[in-house]
N, C-alpha and C. Protein backbone atom coordinates (compact mmCIF):
# COMPACT_ATOMS: atom_id res chain seq x y z
N MET A 1 0.94 -1.17 0.05
CA MET A 1 0.22 0.29 -0.36
C MET A 1 1.10 1.19 0.11
N ILE A 2 0.31 2.36 -0.94
CA ILE A 2 1.29 3.76 -0.91
C ILE A 2 0.81 4.51 0.19
N LYS A 3 1.66 4.31 1.57
CA LYS A 3 1.41 5.13 2.69
C LYS A 3 1.87 6.51 2.76
N SER A 4 2.39 7.67 1.28
CA SER A 4 2.26 8.65 1.28
C SER A 4 1.21 9.19 0.55
N SER A 5 0.47 8.32 -0.53
CA SER A 5 -0.61 8.85 -0.94
C SER A 5 -1.76 9.53 -0.05
N SER A 6 -2.47 10.55 -0.82
CA SER A 6 -3.61 10.93 -0.19
C SER A 6 -4.62 10.20 -0.12
N MET A 7 -4.63 8.97 -0.87
CA MET A 7 -5.82 8.32 -1.16
C MET A 7 -6.02 7.09 -0.09
N VAL A 8 -5.11 7.05 1.07
CA VAL A 8 -4.67 6.42 2.19
C VAL A 8 -5.88 7.18 3.15
N ALA A 9 -6.42 8.20 2.71
CA ALA A 9 -7.89 8.71 3.50
C ALA A 9 -9.20 8.66 2.91
N CYS A 10 -9.13 7.76 1.77
CA CYS A 10 -10.03 7.30 0.59
C CYS A 10 -10.72 5.88 1.05
N ASN A 11 -12.02 5.97 1.56
CA ASN A 11 -12.97 4.85 1.67
C ASN A 11 -13.28 4.09 1.05
N SER A 12 -13.48 4.49 -0.19
CA SER A 12 -13.82 3.79 -1.55
C SER A 12 -12.09 3.06 -2.01
N PHE A 13 -11.20 3.82 -1.81
CA PHE A 13 -9.69 2.78 -2.38
C PHE A 13 -9.38 1.84 -1.00
N ALA A 14 -9.75 2.27 -0.19
CA ALA A 14 -9.38 0.99 0.96
C ALA A 14 -9.97 -0.17 0.84
N THR A 15 -11.45 0.29 0.61
CA THR A 15 -12.48 -0.71 0.52
C THR A 15 -12.58 -1.89 -0.77
N ARG A 16 -11.72 -1.22 -1.69
CA ARG A 16 -12.03 -1.91 -3.05
C ARG A 16 -10.37 -2.23 -2.84
N GLN A 17 -9.41 -2.17 -2.35
CA GLN A 17 -8.42 -3.01 -2.00
C GLN A 17 -8.31 -4.12 -1.16
N ALA A 18 -9.02 -3.63 -0.04
CA ALA A 18 -9.51 -5.20 0.65
C ALA A 18 -10.50 -6.30 -0.03
N ALA A 19 -11.30 -5.60 -0.63
CA ALA A 19 -12.18 -6.66 -1.41
C ALA A 19 -11.15 -7.32 -2.51
N ARG A 20 -10.31 -6.69 -3.10
CA ARG A 20 -9.45 -7.67 -4.38
C ARG A 20 -8.46 -8.72 -3.50
N TYR A 21 -8.16 -7.93 -2.62
CA TYR A 21 -7.04 -8.57 -1.47
C TYR A 21 -8.00 -9.98 -0.72
N ILE A 22 -9.10 -9.92 -0.40
CA ILE A 22 -10.13 -10.91 -0.06
C ILE A 22 -10.16 -11.93 -1.02
N THR A 23 -11.06 -11.42 -2.28
CA THR A 23 -11.08 -12.18 -3.42
C THR A 23 -10.13 -12.94 -3.96
N ARG A 24 -9.13 -12.77 -3.98
CA ARG A 24 -7.54 -13.27 -4.50
C ARG A 24 -7.26 -14.13 -3.20
N LEU A 25 -7.70 -14.17 -2.08
CA LEU A 25 -7.38 -15.24 -1.08
C LEU A 25 -8.51 -16.43 -1.22
N TYR A 26 -9.84 -15.89 -1.77
CA TYR A 26 -11.06 -17.01 -1.80
C TYR A 26 -10.35 -18.05 -3.34
N GLU A 27 -10.24 -16.87 -4.27
CA GLU A 27 -10.06 -17.60 -5.16
C GLU A 27 -8.80 -18.60 -5.58
N ARG A 28 -7.76 -18.13 -4.48
CA ARG A 28 -6.93 -19.01 -5.02
C ARG A 28 -7.25 -20.78 -4.25
N HIS A 29 -8.37 -20.27 -3.12
CA HIS A 29 -8.51 -21.92 -2.56
C HIS A 29 -9.54 -22.46 -3.71
N LEU A 30 -10.94 -21.73 -3.88
CA LEU A 30 -11.67 -22.15 -5.13
C LEU A 30 -11.03 -22.41 -6.19
N GLY A 31 -10.16 -22.00 -6.74
CA GLY A 31 -9.71 -22.28 -7.99
C GLY A 31 -9.38 -23.62 -8.21
N THR A 32 -9.18 -24.46 -7.18
CA THR A 32 -8.71 -25.80 -6.86
C THR A 32 -10.08 -26.95 -7.83
N ALA A 33 -11.27 -26.09 -7.27
CA ALA A 33 -12.45 -26.63 -7.78
C ALA A 33 -13.08 -25.96 -9.32
N HIS A 34 -12.10 -25.00 -10.20
CA HIS A 34 -12.55 -24.39 -10.80
C HIS A 34 -13.39 -23.31 -10.58
N VAL A 35 -13.81 -22.65 -9.86
CA VAL A 35 -14.93 -22.15 -9.40
C VAL A 35 -14.17 -20.50 -8.96
N THR A 36 -15.03 -19.53 -9.18
CA THR A 36 -14.47 -18.12 -9.01
C THR A 36 -15.51 -17.68 -7.81
N SER A 37 -15.04 -16.75 -6.86
CA SER A 37 -15.92 -16.34 -5.81
C SER A 37 -17.29 -16.06 -5.92
N THR A 38 -17.26 -15.26 -7.22
CA THR A 38 -18.76 -14.98 -7.42
C THR A 38 -19.38 -16.28 -8.24
N GLN A 39 -19.25 -16.93 -8.59
CA GLN A 39 -19.63 -18.19 -9.13
C GLN A 39 -19.99 -19.00 -7.77
N PHE A 40 -19.00 -19.04 -7.14
CA PHE A 40 -19.19 -19.93 -5.60
C PHE A 40 -20.71 -19.38 -4.78
N SER A 41 -20.39 -17.76 -4.82
CA SER A 41 -21.78 -17.02 -4.47
C SER A 41 -22.98 -17.30 -4.60
N ILE A 42 -22.78 -17.43 -6.06
CA ILE A 42 -24.48 -17.73 -6.54
C ILE A 42 -24.79 -19.09 -6.97
N LEU A 43 -23.79 -19.95 -6.72
CA LEU A 43 -24.22 -21.33 -6.42
C LEU A 43 -24.65 -21.60 -4.99
N VAL A 44 -24.11 -21.22 -4.20
CA VAL A 44 -24.31 -21.33 -2.48
C VAL A 44 -25.97 -20.46 -2.80
N LEU A 45 -26.17 -19.35 -3.07
CA LEU A 45 -27.64 -18.94 -3.05
C LEU A 45 -28.75 -19.81 -3.98
N LEU A 46 -28.20 -19.92 -4.62
CA LEU A 46 -29.09 -20.78 -5.68
C LEU A 46 -29.29 -22.46 -5.13
N SER A 47 -28.33 -22.82 -4.36
CA SER A 47 -28.43 -24.14 -3.42
C SER A 47 -29.28 -23.84 -2.08
N GLU A 48 -29.62 -22.46 -1.74
CA GLU A 48 -30.64 -22.94 -0.57
C GLU A 48 -31.74 -21.96 -0.61
N THR A 49 -32.05 -21.66 -1.93
CA THR A 49 -33.33 -21.65 -2.69
C THR A 49 -34.20 -22.82 -3.32
N SER A 50 -35.24 -22.53 -4.01
CA SER A 50 -35.69 -23.32 -4.82
C SER A 50 -35.84 -22.56 -5.90
N GLY A 51 -35.07 -21.87 -6.22
CA GLY A 51 -35.10 -21.05 -7.49
C GLY A 51 -34.90 -19.75 -7.44
N MET A 52 -34.30 -18.89 -8.10
CA MET A 52 -34.21 -17.11 -8.06
C MET A 52 -34.50 -16.38 -9.43
N THR A 53 -35.29 -15.68 -9.26
CA THR A 53 -35.05 -14.93 -10.81
C THR A 53 -33.68 -14.08 -11.02
N MET A 54 -33.57 -13.27 -11.94
CA MET A 54 -32.58 -12.78 -12.08
C MET A 54 -32.16 -11.96 -11.44
N SER A 55 -33.68 -10.92 -11.50
CA SER A 55 -33.44 -9.76 -10.30
C SER A 55 -33.26 -10.08 -8.41
N GLU A 56 -34.04 -10.98 -8.47
CA GLU A 56 -33.66 -11.62 -7.32
C GLU A 56 -32.15 -12.05 -7.02
N LEU A 57 -31.81 -12.47 -7.47
CA LEU A 57 -30.42 -12.71 -7.37
C LEU A 57 -29.17 -12.06 -7.54
N ALA A 58 -29.73 -11.12 -8.47
CA ALA A 58 -28.55 -9.51 -8.46
C ALA A 58 -29.10 -8.87 -7.28
N ASP A 59 -30.23 -8.46 -6.72
CA ASP A 59 -30.60 -7.83 -5.53
C ASP A 59 -29.77 -8.60 -4.03
N ALA A 60 -30.02 -9.93 -4.04
CA ALA A 60 -29.08 -10.46 -2.98
C ALA A 60 -27.71 -10.64 -3.07
N LEU A 61 -27.04 -10.56 -4.41
CA LEU A 61 -25.41 -10.09 -4.46
C LEU A 61 -25.02 -8.60 -4.65
N VAL A 62 -26.22 -7.82 -4.65
CA VAL A 62 -25.82 -6.24 -4.96
C VAL A 62 -25.31 -6.12 -6.26
N MET A 63 -25.28 -6.69 -7.23
CA MET A 63 -24.88 -6.63 -8.56
C MET A 63 -26.04 -5.97 -9.56
N GLU A 64 -25.15 -5.57 -10.50
CA GLU A 64 -25.74 -4.75 -11.64
C GLU A 64 -26.06 -6.54 -12.39
N ARG A 65 -27.27 -6.35 -12.92
CA ARG A 65 -28.06 -7.75 -14.04
C ARG A 65 -26.91 -7.87 -15.53
N THR A 66 -26.27 -7.18 -15.61
CA THR A 66 -25.49 -6.71 -16.73
C THR A 66 -24.04 -8.09 -16.10
N SER A 67 -23.84 -7.56 -15.20
CA SER A 67 -22.55 -8.25 -14.72
C SER A 67 -22.96 -9.73 -14.16
N LEU A 68 -24.26 -9.94 -13.91
CA LEU A 68 -24.64 -11.38 -13.15
C LEU A 68 -24.90 -12.08 -14.43
N VAL A 69 -25.34 -11.67 -15.45
CA VAL A 69 -25.54 -12.33 -16.61
C VAL A 69 -24.21 -12.54 -17.01
N ARG A 70 -23.46 -11.86 -17.32
CA ARG A 70 -21.65 -12.51 -17.50
C ARG A 70 -21.23 -13.47 -16.98
N ALA A 71 -21.69 -13.34 -15.28
CA ALA A 71 -21.46 -14.25 -14.54
C ALA A 71 -21.81 -15.77 -14.86
N ILE A 72 -23.02 -15.83 -15.21
CA ILE A 72 -23.73 -17.08 -14.87
C ILE A 72 -23.78 -17.47 -16.64
N LYS A 73 -23.31 -16.92 -17.27
CA LYS A 73 -23.09 -17.63 -18.83
C LYS A 73 -22.26 -18.95 -18.77
N PRO A 74 -20.93 -18.97 -18.12
CA PRO A 74 -20.36 -19.84 -18.54
C PRO A 74 -20.72 -20.90 -17.56
N MET A 75 -21.34 -20.35 -16.45
CA MET A 75 -22.18 -21.58 -15.46
C MET A 75 -22.97 -22.46 -16.21
N GLU A 76 -23.91 -21.48 -17.16
CA GLU A 76 -25.04 -22.43 -17.61
C GLU A 76 -24.13 -23.45 -18.67
N ARG A 77 -23.15 -22.81 -19.17
CA ARG A 77 -22.47 -23.58 -20.26
C ARG A 77 -22.13 -25.11 -19.88
N ASP A 78 -21.39 -24.54 -18.66
CA ASP A 78 -20.88 -26.01 -17.76
C ASP A 78 -21.71 -26.71 -17.39
N GLY A 79 -23.24 -26.60 -17.75
CA GLY A 79 -24.26 -27.20 -16.90
C GLY A 79 -24.40 -27.06 -15.31
N TRP A 80 -23.73 -25.89 -14.60
CA TRP A 80 -24.07 -26.13 -13.28
C TRP A 80 -25.44 -25.36 -13.01
N LEU A 81 -25.94 -24.60 -13.75
CA LEU A 81 -27.56 -24.12 -13.56
C LEU A 81 -28.35 -24.06 -14.60
N LYS A 82 -29.65 -23.91 -14.51
CA LYS A 82 -30.15 -23.95 -15.60
C LYS A 82 -31.31 -22.82 -15.48
N ALA A 83 -31.89 -22.27 -16.54
CA ALA A 83 -32.74 -20.85 -16.60
C ALA A 83 -34.06 -21.28 -17.18
N GLU A 84 -35.33 -21.46 -16.45
CA GLU A 84 -36.22 -21.47 -16.79
C GLU A 84 -37.60 -20.26 -16.69
N ARG A 85 -38.19 -20.33 -17.84
CA ARG A 85 -39.16 -19.31 -17.89
C ARG A 85 -40.42 -19.60 -17.11
N VAL A 86 -40.43 -18.60 -16.14
CA VAL A 86 -41.81 -18.45 -15.59
C VAL A 86 -43.09 -19.33 -16.33
N SER A 87 -44.10 -19.68 -15.94
CA SER A 87 -45.21 -19.92 -16.98
C SER A 87 -45.82 -18.72 -17.15
N GLN A 88 -46.10 -17.72 -15.62
CA GLN A 88 -47.24 -16.54 -15.74
C GLN A 88 -46.52 -15.38 -16.45
N ASP A 89 -45.49 -15.19 -16.40
CA ASP A 89 -44.67 -14.58 -16.86
C ASP A 89 -43.75 -14.99 -18.35
N THR A 90 -43.47 -14.91 -19.07
CA THR A 90 -42.53 -15.59 -19.77
C THR A 90 -41.40 -14.87 -19.98
N ARG A 91 -41.09 -13.57 -19.95
CA ARG A 91 -39.86 -13.18 -19.85
C ARG A 91 -39.24 -13.22 -18.70
N LYS A 92 -39.46 -13.22 -17.59
CA LYS A 92 -39.02 -14.04 -16.44
C LYS A 92 -38.73 -15.19 -16.63
N LEU A 93 -37.10 -14.86 -15.90
CA LEU A 93 -36.26 -16.60 -15.82
C LEU A 93 -35.74 -16.81 -14.46
N VAL A 94 -36.11 -18.04 -14.18
CA VAL A 94 -35.65 -18.70 -12.44
C VAL A 94 -34.65 -19.39 -13.07
N LEU A 95 -33.83 -19.12 -12.16
CA LEU A 95 -32.48 -20.09 -12.23
C LEU A 95 -32.15 -20.61 -10.95
N SER A 96 -31.61 -22.20 -11.20
CA SER A 96 -32.05 -23.32 -10.35
C SER A 96 -30.67 -23.81 -10.41
N LEU A 97 -30.22 -24.73 -9.64
CA LEU A 97 -29.01 -25.59 -9.84
C LEU A 97 -29.54 -27.04 -10.57
N THR A 98 -28.78 -27.11 -11.48
CA THR A 98 -28.57 -28.52 -11.63
C THR A 98 -27.63 -29.61 -10.89
N LEU A 99 -28.02 -30.84 -11.11
CA LEU A 99 -27.38 -32.13 -10.53
C LEU A 99 -25.62 -31.65 -10.13
N GLN A 100 -25.13 -31.07 -11.89
CA GLN A 100 -23.58 -30.85 -11.80
C GLN A 100 -23.66 -29.66 -10.36
N GLY A 101 -24.52 -28.73 -10.46
CA GLY A 101 -24.36 -27.33 -9.53
C GLY A 101 -24.01 -27.39 -8.55
N GLN A 102 -24.82 -28.79 -8.03
CA GLN A 102 -24.99 -29.16 -6.71
C GLN A 102 -23.92 -29.66 -6.34
N ASN A 103 -23.42 -30.52 -7.11
CA ASN A 103 -21.70 -31.47 -6.80
C ASN A 103 -20.97 -30.52 -6.56
N LYS A 104 -21.11 -29.49 -7.40
CA LYS A 104 -20.07 -28.09 -7.75
C LYS A 104 -19.83 -27.78 -6.60
N VAL A 105 -20.99 -27.09 -6.11
CA VAL A 105 -21.05 -26.68 -4.16
C VAL A 105 -20.42 -27.53 -3.23
N GLN A 106 -20.59 -28.98 -3.15
CA GLN A 106 -20.23 -30.03 -2.63
C GLN A 106 -18.62 -30.01 -2.70
N GLU A 107 -18.09 -29.77 -3.63
CA GLU A 107 -16.78 -29.66 -4.46
C GLU A 107 -16.47 -28.63 -3.63
N ALA A 108 -16.84 -27.47 -3.63
CA ALA A 108 -15.81 -26.02 -3.44
C ALA A 108 -16.18 -25.92 -1.99
N LEU A 109 -17.11 -26.36 -1.45
CA LEU A 109 -17.55 -25.86 0.50
C LEU A 109 -16.39 -26.18 0.95
N PRO A 110 -15.75 -27.35 1.30
CA PRO A 110 -14.47 -27.83 1.59
C PRO A 110 -13.31 -26.55 1.64
N LEU A 111 -13.16 -26.19 0.22
CA LEU A 111 -12.11 -25.40 -0.09
C LEU A 111 -12.63 -23.67 0.22
N TRP A 112 -13.76 -23.57 0.51
CA TRP A 112 -14.34 -22.09 0.90
C TRP A 112 -13.84 -22.08 2.49
N GLN A 113 -14.16 -23.15 3.08
CA GLN A 113 -13.98 -23.16 4.65
C GLN A 113 -12.69 -22.97 5.04
N LYS A 114 -11.51 -23.39 4.13
CA LYS A 114 -9.92 -23.09 4.23
C LYS A 114 -9.97 -21.97 3.71
N ALA A 115 -10.77 -21.27 2.92
CA ALA A 115 -10.24 -19.94 2.82
C ALA A 115 -10.75 -18.95 3.85
N GLN A 116 -12.00 -19.16 4.31
CA GLN A 116 -12.41 -18.79 5.97
C GLN A 116 -11.80 -19.01 6.88
N GLN A 117 -10.82 -20.20 6.97
CA GLN A 117 -10.09 -20.25 8.11
C GLN A 117 -8.49 -19.47 7.93
N GLU A 118 -8.17 -19.71 6.59
CA GLU A 118 -6.80 -18.83 6.40
C GLU A 118 -7.40 -17.34 6.80
N PHE A 119 -8.49 -17.02 6.36
CA PHE A 119 -8.83 -15.09 6.48
C PHE A 119 -8.75 -15.10 7.86
N GLU A 120 -9.74 -15.62 8.73
CA GLU A 120 -9.79 -15.38 10.15
C GLU A 120 -8.70 -15.68 10.88
N ALA A 121 -7.71 -16.76 10.56
CA ALA A 121 -6.47 -16.43 11.13
C ALA A 121 -5.86 -15.44 10.95
N GLN A 122 -5.84 -14.61 9.66
CA GLN A 122 -5.23 -13.57 9.58
C GLN A 122 -5.72 -12.27 10.35
N VAL A 123 -6.79 -12.15 10.43
CA VAL A 123 -7.75 -11.08 11.28
C VAL A 123 -8.32 -11.07 12.87
N GLY A 124 -8.57 -12.54 12.78
CA GLY A 124 -9.15 -12.75 14.04
C GLY A 124 -10.80 -13.33 13.42
N SER A 125 -11.16 -14.27 14.78
CA SER A 125 -12.86 -14.33 14.33
C SER A 125 -13.71 -13.80 14.52
N GLU A 126 -13.46 -12.93 15.83
CA GLU A 126 -14.49 -11.64 16.36
C GLU A 126 -14.24 -10.37 15.16
N ARG A 127 -13.06 -10.25 15.14
CA ARG A 127 -12.98 -9.28 14.23
C ARG A 127 -13.41 -9.69 12.35
N ALA A 128 -13.44 -10.87 12.11
CA ALA A 128 -13.85 -10.98 11.11
C ALA A 128 -15.58 -11.06 11.26
N ALA A 129 -16.36 -11.62 12.15
CA ALA A 129 -17.68 -11.63 12.31
C ALA A 129 -17.98 -10.22 12.19
N GLN A 130 -17.31 -9.24 13.10
CA GLN A 130 -17.84 -7.83 13.20
C GLN A 130 -18.08 -7.05 11.77
N TRP A 131 -16.89 -7.51 11.00
CA TRP A 131 -17.00 -6.79 9.70
C TRP A 131 -18.23 -7.20 9.18
N ARG A 132 -18.54 -8.76 8.93
CA ARG A 132 -19.39 -9.51 8.07
C ARG A 132 -20.52 -8.95 8.42
N HIS A 133 -20.85 -8.75 9.62
CA HIS A 133 -21.83 -8.00 10.00
C HIS A 133 -22.51 -6.58 9.69
N ASP A 134 -20.92 -5.45 9.82
CA ASP A 134 -21.09 -4.13 9.43
C ASP A 134 -21.24 -4.29 7.74
N PHE A 135 -20.58 -4.79 7.16
CA PHE A 135 -20.56 -4.49 5.84
C PHE A 135 -21.90 -5.25 5.10
N LEU A 136 -22.62 -6.04 5.62
CA LEU A 136 -23.97 -6.90 5.65
C LEU A 136 -25.04 -5.85 5.69
N GLU A 137 -24.58 -4.98 6.82
CA GLU A 137 -26.11 -4.07 7.22
C GLU A 137 -25.69 -2.99 6.18
N LEU A 138 -24.47 -2.60 6.37
CA LEU A 138 -24.66 -1.25 4.86
C LEU A 138 -25.01 -1.87 3.59
N THR A 139 -24.97 -2.96 3.10
CA THR A 139 -25.22 -3.38 2.00
C THR A 139 -26.77 -3.84 1.82
N ARG A 140 -27.52 -3.83 2.89
CA ARG A 140 -28.78 -4.36 2.72
C ARG A 140 -29.53 -2.80 2.77
N GLY A 141 -29.08 -1.77 3.09
CA GLY A 141 -29.65 -0.46 3.04
C GLY A 141 -29.57 -0.16 1.39
N THR A 142 -28.97 -0.78 0.72
CA THR A 142 -28.91 -0.40 -0.56
C THR A 142 -30.27 -1.18 -1.38
């Protein structure tokens, strides 16, 4: 980090640096399963529901729909998830996991747990829990 820069007082700069650092840590672990951290989040969210629309998933991830579409295309191609039209509204797509997607979650979960352990070893469990709470509280307001 550049200590002499005026950017050290910038909240955006600091949080983006932290986000990139944390993403690299998690992706180093998840890479063994050929999953990015964004893909892992999508897979887990879909594994916990019976299906989500693109809008619901984008909202849950605090992500632009166009970015979400780019993220799910390779997952559809690889057979991890499927998109089906809702019968009442043919414009809406509901995303859900396939069996391959469920298997991918099971493969990636222990790797994610190792990433969690490494991160918490670096910053402490209590501090990590407080950060999660604070960041989730912040994003729920959006």
